[in-house]
Amino acid sequence: MTEEGESLAVGGQAVMEGVMMRNGDVYSIAVRRADGEIVAASRPWFTLARGSFFKKPCIRGFPLLLETMINGIKALNFSAELALQGEGEELKPWQLALTLAAAMLFAVGLFIVTPHFLTMLLGYLGISGGVEFFSFHLWDGLIKFSIFLCYIAAISCLRDIRRVFQYHGAEHKAISAYESSFRPVDVELAERQSRLHPRCGTTFLLFVLSIAIILHVLLLPLLLFFWVPENAFYKHGVVIVLKLLLMIPISSLAYEAIRLGARLGDNFFGKIMRAPGLLLQTLTTREPDRRQLEVSLTALNEALKCGNRHAETEVITPSYSLLDP
């Protein structure tokens, strides 16, 4: 997933056998069906940040994260139906809500509750301090980061995920080619681009983890200094709830950090800020083939074409193959 830059509205996300591209208030999905045909669909971007307040710096990051998840799940559902069955079917509102809730519960369980529980075990072994001490949250952050890396490494072993990572690389190459010329691009130009991109969602997640570790280490012991529940169960429960609440400012700060890294360009500080994210993208992207690049460019061109007008209704148009006879 590539987030919006300071002056560039085009961003994207890999989906099953395809790519989703956003351009302002519209996003387009291109998927290659089993018969080899590319089908593209353009839709209005669902947004939560309609008021000017939710678009302010250090506030806009969290609403954008939620709406990206909602639109991303809808795009994934459409691509899966189209790639596997040949027809796309919109998620019903309750299905979308359940899918989003399940995704968030999984993330909370894996990246917040599990590291906290494992750090508690280290405390019982005398390795980390209690939850009111800095050492607890340092160990918690280290475990959280290790789980994140192991999770990415594990899913990259799955064949379907490796193809998604190839489309992730194709998405980056298409956007980089467009940003280098600001015109519709062809496969040859996209093929020459790097599969790594500074405004990638992988970089965003890395900023989220890094800022979370810093804020947890600094703020949670300070808060517990003023009030600590006597019951151990409640004490740890309060800390987990505080971690969940801190996700709002953490995601907002991470969004501003990724925008700052993009604005700094190729100077020394910009390269330093982008380097860890680009390194992590070597795990979440793979080199795409020409057919995957073709799908990505179809999504990009559809998004650019539809971005000048608001797509009130879905328009599905079969796309002929530029590579196949």
Protein backbone atom coordinates (compact mmCIF):
# COMPACT_ATOMS: atom_id res chain seq x y z
CA MET A 1 0.00 0.00 0.00
CA THR A 2 1.38 3.44 -0.94
CA GLU A 3 0.05 6.39 1.01
CA GLU A 4 -0.68 9.85 -0.35
CA GLY A 5 2.29 12.16 -0.64
CA GLU A 6 2.37 15.88 -0.02
CA SER A 7 1.38 16.75 -3.57
CA LEU A 8 0.72 13.37 -5.11
CA ALA A 9 -2.75 11.90 -4.75
CA VAL A 10 -2.00 8.53 -6.34
CA GLY A 11 -1.57 5.59 -3.96
CA GLY A 12 -2.30 1.91 -4.11
CA GLN A 13 -2.58 -1.56 -2.65
CA ALA A 14 -1.99 -5.06 -3.93
CA VAL A 15 -5.04 -7.32 -4.04
CA MET A 16 -5.61 -10.89 -5.19
CA GLU A 17 -4.33 -11.19 -8.76
CA GLY A 18 -4.50 -7.45 -9.14
CA VAL A 19 -3.90 -3.93 -7.87
CA MET A 20 -6.04 -1.17 -6.40
CA MET A 21 -5.04 2.44 -7.17
CA ARG A 22 -6.45 5.54 -5.49
CA ASN A 23 -6.56 8.96 -7.11
CA GLY A 24 -8.25 11.54 -4.88
CA ASP A 25 -11.89 10.62 -4.27
CA VAL A 26 -11.82 7.63 -6.62
CA TYR A 27 -10.10 4.27 -6.61
CA SER A 28 -9.78 1.72 -9.37
CA ILE A 29 -9.18 -2.02 -9.17
CA ALA A 30 -7.68 -4.08 -11.99
CA VAL A 31 -7.71 -7.88 -11.77
CA ARG A 32 -6.55 -10.53 -14.20
CA ARG A 33 -9.16 -13.24 -14.40
CA ALA A 34 -8.40 -16.92 -14.85
CA ASP A 35 -9.04 -16.63 -18.60
CA GLY A 36 -6.28 -13.99 -18.89
CA GLU A 37 -8.58 -10.98 -19.35
CA ILE A 38 -8.02 -7.87 -17.24
CA VAL A 39 -11.14 -6.34 -15.71
CA ALA A 40 -11.05 -2.84 -14.20
CA ALA A 41 -13.59 -1.26 -11.84
CA SER A 42 -13.72 2.35 -10.63
CA ARG A 43 -15.48 3.32 -7.42
CA PRO A 44 -15.80 6.32 -5.08
CA TRP A 45 -13.38 6.27 -2.17
CA PHE A 46 -15.21 5.84 1.15
CA THR A 47 -13.93 8.50 3.52
CA LEU A 48 -14.34 9.23 7.22
CA ALA A 49 -12.53 12.59 7.13
CA ARG A 50 -15.19 14.80 5.59
CA GLY A 51 -14.80 17.71 7.97
CA SER A 52 -11.80 20.04 7.96
CA PHE A 53 -10.98 19.06 11.56
CA PHE A 54 -10.20 15.46 10.56
CA LYS A 55 -7.81 16.66 7.85
CA LYS A 56 -5.56 18.61 10.21
CA PRO A 57 -1.96 17.46 10.76
CA CYS A 58 -1.49 15.01 13.65
CA ILE A 59 -5.23 14.21 13.50
CA ARG A 60 -5.78 12.94 9.94
CA GLY A 61 -3.64 9.82 10.31
CA PHE A 62 -6.07 7.70 12.35
CA PRO A 63 -9.20 8.37 10.22
CA LEU A 64 -7.11 7.68 7.12
CA LEU A 65 -5.94 4.39 8.61
CA LEU A 66 -9.55 3.29 9.24
CA GLU A 67 -10.83 4.31 5.82
CA THR A 68 -7.84 2.65 4.13
CA MET A 69 -8.71 -0.58 5.94
CA ILE A 70 -12.37 -0.33 4.90
CA ASN A 71 -11.63 0.42 1.24
CA GLY A 72 -8.83 -2.14 1.21
CA ILE A 73 -11.09 -4.92 2.50
CA LYS A 74 -13.72 -4.05 -0.11
CA ALA A 75 -11.09 -4.10 -2.85
CA LEU A 76 -9.71 -7.44 -1.63
CA ASN A 77 -13.19 -8.94 -1.59
CA PHE A 78 -13.89 -7.73 -5.12
CA SER A 79 -10.59 -9.06 -6.44
CA ALA A 80 -11.05 -12.45 -4.76
CA GLU A 81 -14.53 -12.92 -6.21
CA LEU A 82 -13.37 -11.84 -9.65
CA ALA A 83 -10.14 -13.84 -9.71
CA LEU A 84 -11.62 -17.06 -8.33
CA GLN A 85 -15.18 -17.05 -9.64
CA GLY A 86 -15.25 -14.55 -12.46
CA GLU A 87 -17.76 -12.18 -10.85
CA GLY A 88 -17.40 -9.44 -8.26
CA GLU A 89 -19.87 -9.12 -5.39
CA GLU A 90 -19.99 -6.19 -2.98
CA LEU A 91 -19.72 -6.95 0.73
CA LYS A 92 -22.91 -6.26 2.66
CA PRO A 93 -22.48 -3.65 5.42
CA TRP A 94 -22.68 -6.23 8.22
CA GLN A 95 -20.17 -8.45 6.42
CA LEU A 96 -17.79 -5.53 6.01
CA ALA A 97 -18.18 -4.65 9.70
CA LEU A 98 -17.50 -8.24 10.78
CA THR A 99 -14.46 -8.51 8.49
CA LEU A 100 -13.05 -5.22 9.76
CA ALA A 101 -13.70 -6.22 13.38
CA ALA A 102 -12.04 -9.60 12.85
CA ALA A 103 -8.99 -7.96 11.25
CA MET A 104 -8.66 -5.47 14.10
CA LEU A 105 -9.11 -8.18 16.77
CA PHE A 106 -6.42 -10.27 15.09
CA ALA A 107 -4.03 -7.32 15.00
CA VAL A 108 -4.73 -6.41 18.63
CA GLY A 109 -4.30 -10.01 19.75
CA LEU A 110 -1.07 -10.59 17.83
CA PHE A 111 0.68 -7.25 18.26
CA ILE A 112 -0.62 -5.93 21.60
CA VAL A 113 -1.98 -8.71 23.82
CA THR A 114 0.54 -11.44 22.89
CA PRO A 115 3.69 -9.28 23.42
CA HIS A 116 2.24 -8.03 26.70
CA PHE A 117 1.55 -11.58 27.90
CA LEU A 118 5.02 -12.81 26.88
CA THR A 119 6.63 -9.86 28.69
CA MET A 120 4.63 -10.77 31.80
CA LEU A 121 6.19 -14.25 31.60
CA LEU A 122 9.64 -12.66 31.39
CA GLY A 123 8.77 -10.72 34.53
CA TYR A 124 7.91 -13.91 36.38
CA LEU A 125 11.29 -15.28 35.31
CA GLY A 126 13.01 -12.17 36.65
CA ILE A 127 14.15 -10.95 33.22
CA SER A 128 11.93 -7.87 32.88
CA GLY A 129 10.56 -5.56 35.56
CA GLY A 130 6.95 -5.00 36.47
CA VAL A 131 4.49 -3.27 34.17
CA GLU A 132 5.12 0.05 35.93
CA PHE A 133 8.82 0.00 34.97
CA PHE A 134 10.54 1.11 31.75
CA SER A 135 12.18 -2.29 31.24
CA PHE A 136 8.80 -4.01 30.87
CA HIS A 137 7.84 -1.82 27.91
CA LEU A 138 11.27 -2.10 26.32
CA TRP A 139 10.94 -5.89 26.34
CA ASP A 140 7.35 -5.58 25.15
CA GLY A 141 8.49 -3.47 22.19
CA LEU A 142 11.29 -5.87 21.32
CA ILE A 143 8.92 -8.85 21.36
CA LYS A 144 6.33 -6.92 19.35
CA PHE A 145 8.86 -6.05 16.68
CA SER A 146 10.12 -9.65 16.54
CA ILE A 147 6.57 -10.97 16.11
CA PHE A 148 6.02 -8.48 13.30
CA LEU A 149 9.12 -9.61 11.41
CA CYS A 150 8.38 -13.30 11.99
CA TYR A 151 4.80 -12.80 10.80
CA ILE A 152 5.93 -11.20 7.53
CA ALA A 153 8.59 -13.89 7.01
CA ALA A 154 6.04 -16.65 7.67
CA ILE A 155 3.31 -15.42 5.32
CA SER A 156 5.89 -14.77 2.58
CA CYS A 157 6.38 -18.54 2.42
CA LEU A 158 2.80 -18.97 1.16
CA ARG A 159 2.51 -19.14 -2.63
CA ASP A 160 -0.59 -16.90 -2.82
CA ILE A 161 1.03 -14.30 -0.58
CA ARG A 162 4.18 -14.30 -2.71
CA ARG A 163 2.01 -13.42 -5.71
CA VAL A 164 0.39 -10.62 -3.71
CA PHE A 165 3.89 -9.38 -2.87
CA GLN A 166 4.69 -9.43 -6.61
CA TYR A 167 1.63 -7.29 -7.28
CA HIS A 168 2.78 -5.07 -4.41
CA GLY A 169 6.04 -4.57 -6.29
CA ALA A 170 4.10 -3.94 -9.51
CA GLU A 171 2.05 -1.27 -7.75
CA HIS A 172 5.20 0.50 -6.57
CA LYS A 173 6.82 0.34 -10.01
CA ALA A 174 3.73 1.77 -11.72
CA ILE A 175 3.46 4.68 -9.26
CA SER A 176 7.19 5.42 -9.46
CA ALA A 177 7.01 5.43 -13.27
CA TYR A 178 4.08 7.84 -13.17
CA GLU A 179 5.80 10.11 -10.64
CA SER A 180 8.88 10.23 -12.86
CA SER A 181 6.92 11.45 -15.88
CA PHE A 182 3.40 12.51 -14.74
CA ARG A 183 1.84 10.89 -17.76
CA PRO A 184 0.39 7.47 -18.59
CA VAL A 185 3.28 5.02 -18.67
CA ASP A 186 4.00 1.75 -20.43
CA VAL A 187 5.32 -1.56 -19.17
CA GLU A 188 8.88 -0.83 -20.31
CA LEU A 189 9.12 2.36 -18.24
CA ALA A 190 7.55 0.72 -15.18
CA GLU A 191 9.86 -2.28 -15.50
CA ARG A 192 12.90 -0.04 -15.03
CA GLN A 193 11.66 1.35 -11.70
CA SER A 194 12.49 0.10 -8.21
CA ARG A 195 9.97 -2.15 -6.51
CA LEU A 196 10.57 -0.16 -3.29
CA HIS A 197 8.67 3.07 -2.60
CA PRO A 198 9.11 5.54 0.30
CA ARG A 199 5.37 6.04 0.87
CA CYS A 200 4.57 2.35 1.29
CA GLY A 201 2.19 1.02 3.94
CA THR A 202 5.00 -1.25 5.12
CA THR A 203 6.98 1.86 6.03
CA PHE A 204 3.89 3.24 7.76
CA LEU A 205 3.62 0.09 9.91
CA LEU A 206 7.29 0.37 10.79
CA PHE A 207 6.76 3.96 11.95
CA VAL A 208 3.72 2.81 13.96
CA LEU A 209 5.77 0.15 15.74
CA SER A 210 8.70 2.49 16.40
CA ILE A 211 6.56 5.35 17.72
CA ALA A 212 4.50 2.90 19.79
CA ILE A 213 7.62 1.59 21.52
CA ILE A 214 8.84 5.12 22.29
CA LEU A 215 5.48 6.35 23.63
CA HIS A 216 4.83 3.19 25.64
CA VAL A 217 8.25 3.42 27.30
CA LEU A 218 7.85 7.12 28.11
CA LEU A 219 4.16 7.48 28.90
CA LEU A 220 2.91 4.26 30.46
CA PRO A 221 5.31 4.16 33.45
CA LEU A 222 4.56 7.86 34.00
CA LEU A 223 0.80 7.25 34.02
CA LEU A 224 1.17 4.26 36.34
CA PHE A 225 3.29 6.41 38.68
CA PHE A 226 0.17 8.44 39.51
CA TRP A 227 -2.28 5.51 39.70
CA VAL A 228 -1.74 1.76 39.83
CA PRO A 229 -4.66 -0.64 40.45
CA GLU A 230 -3.91 -2.99 43.32
CA ASN A 231 -5.33 -6.01 41.54
CA ALA A 232 -2.75 -7.41 39.07
CA PHE A 233 -5.43 -8.43 36.55
CA TYR A 234 -6.89 -4.92 36.50
CA LYS A 235 -3.42 -3.37 36.35
CA HIS A 236 -2.48 -5.26 33.20
CA GLY A 237 -5.96 -4.73 31.77
CA VAL A 238 -5.63 -0.96 32.24
CA VAL A 239 -2.24 -0.97 30.47
CA ILE A 240 -3.63 -2.89 27.49
CA VAL A 241 -6.56 -0.45 27.23
CA LEU A 242 -4.12 2.49 27.37
CA LYS A 243 -2.10 0.91 24.56
CA LEU A 244 -5.25 0.66 22.46
CA LEU A 245 -6.14 4.31 23.11
CA LEU A 246 -2.59 5.40 22.27
CA MET A 247 -3.02 3.88 18.79
CA ILE A 248 -4.93 7.04 17.81
CA PRO A 249 -2.03 9.48 18.34
CA ILE A 250 0.53 6.84 17.32
CA SER A 251 -1.05 6.26 13.89
CA SER A 252 -1.45 10.01 13.39
CA LEU A 253 2.21 10.68 14.22
CA ALA A 254 3.29 7.79 11.97
CA TYR A 255 1.36 9.29 9.07
CA GLU A 256 3.03 12.67 9.56
CA ALA A 257 6.42 10.95 9.76
CA ILE A 258 5.94 9.14 6.45
CA ARG A 259 4.87 12.42 4.79
CA LEU A 260 7.91 14.18 6.25
CA GLY A 261 10.20 11.46 4.92
CA ALA A 262 8.70 11.93 1.44
CA ARG A 263 9.02 15.75 1.59
CA LEU A 264 12.68 15.62 2.64
CA GLY A 265 13.56 14.04 -0.69
CA ASP A 266 17.04 12.68 -1.24
CA ASN A 267 18.89 14.75 1.35
CA PHE A 268 20.70 13.02 4.22
CA PHE A 269 17.85 13.14 6.74
CA GLY A 270 15.32 11.99 4.17
CA LYS A 271 17.44 8.98 3.29
CA ILE A 272 17.91 8.13 6.97
CA MET A 273 14.15 8.28 7.62
CA ARG A 274 13.28 6.16 4.60
CA ALA A 275 16.06 3.56 4.86
CA PRO A 276 14.46 1.22 7.48
CA GLY A 277 11.13 1.18 5.62
CA LEU A 278 12.79 0.48 2.28
CA LEU A 279 14.78 -2.33 3.86
CA LEU A 280 11.60 -3.87 5.28
CA GLN A 281 9.96 -3.65 1.84
CA THR A 282 12.49 -6.16 0.56
CA LEU A 283 10.38 -8.67 2.52
CA THR A 284 6.92 -7.40 1.50
CA THR A 285 7.57 -6.92 -2.23
CA ARG A 286 8.80 -9.21 -5.00
CA GLU A 287 9.86 -8.46 -8.55
CA PRO A 288 6.73 -8.62 -10.73
CA ASP A 289 6.54 -10.08 -14.23
CA ARG A 290 5.33 -8.10 -17.24
CA ARG A 291 1.78 -9.43 -17.00
CA GLN A 292 1.51 -8.22 -13.41
CA LEU A 293 2.91 -4.83 -14.39
CA GLU A 294 0.27 -4.65 -17.09
CA VAL A 295 -2.49 -5.17 -14.48
CA SER A 296 -0.98 -2.50 -12.24
CA LEU A 297 -0.80 0.01 -15.10
CA THR A 298 -4.41 -0.73 -16.04
CA ALA A 299 -5.46 0.15 -12.48
CA LEU A 300 -3.31 3.29 -12.53
CA ASN A 301 -4.65 4.50 -15.88
CA GLU A 302 -8.25 3.85 -14.79
CA ALA A 303 -7.65 5.81 -11.57
CA LEU A 304 -6.09 8.71 -13.47
CA LYS A 305 -8.93 8.72 -15.99
CA CYS A 306 -11.64 8.67 -13.32
CA GLY A 307 -9.90 10.96 -10.84
CA ASN A 308 -11.05 14.09 -12.65
CA ARG A 309 -14.66 13.26 -11.90
CA HIS A 310 -16.37 11.78 -8.87
CA ALA A 311 -17.46 8.19 -9.55
CA GLU A 312 -21.03 8.06 -8.24
CA THR A 313 -21.59 4.54 -9.57
CA GLU A 314 -19.36 1.61 -10.24
CA VAL A 315 -18.23 1.24 -13.83
CA ILE A 316 -16.80 -2.14 -14.86
CA THR A 317 -14.98 -2.27 -18.18
CA PRO A 318 -13.15 -5.31 -19.55
CA SER A 319 -9.64 -4.40 -20.63
CA TYR A 320 -7.86 -6.12 -23.49
CA SER A 321 -4.36 -7.44 -22.89
CA LEU A 322 -1.50 -5.27 -24.14
CA LEU A 323 0.85 -8.23 -24.10
CA ASP A 324 -1.29 -11.09 -25.30
CA PRO A 325 -2.38 -11.36 -28.94
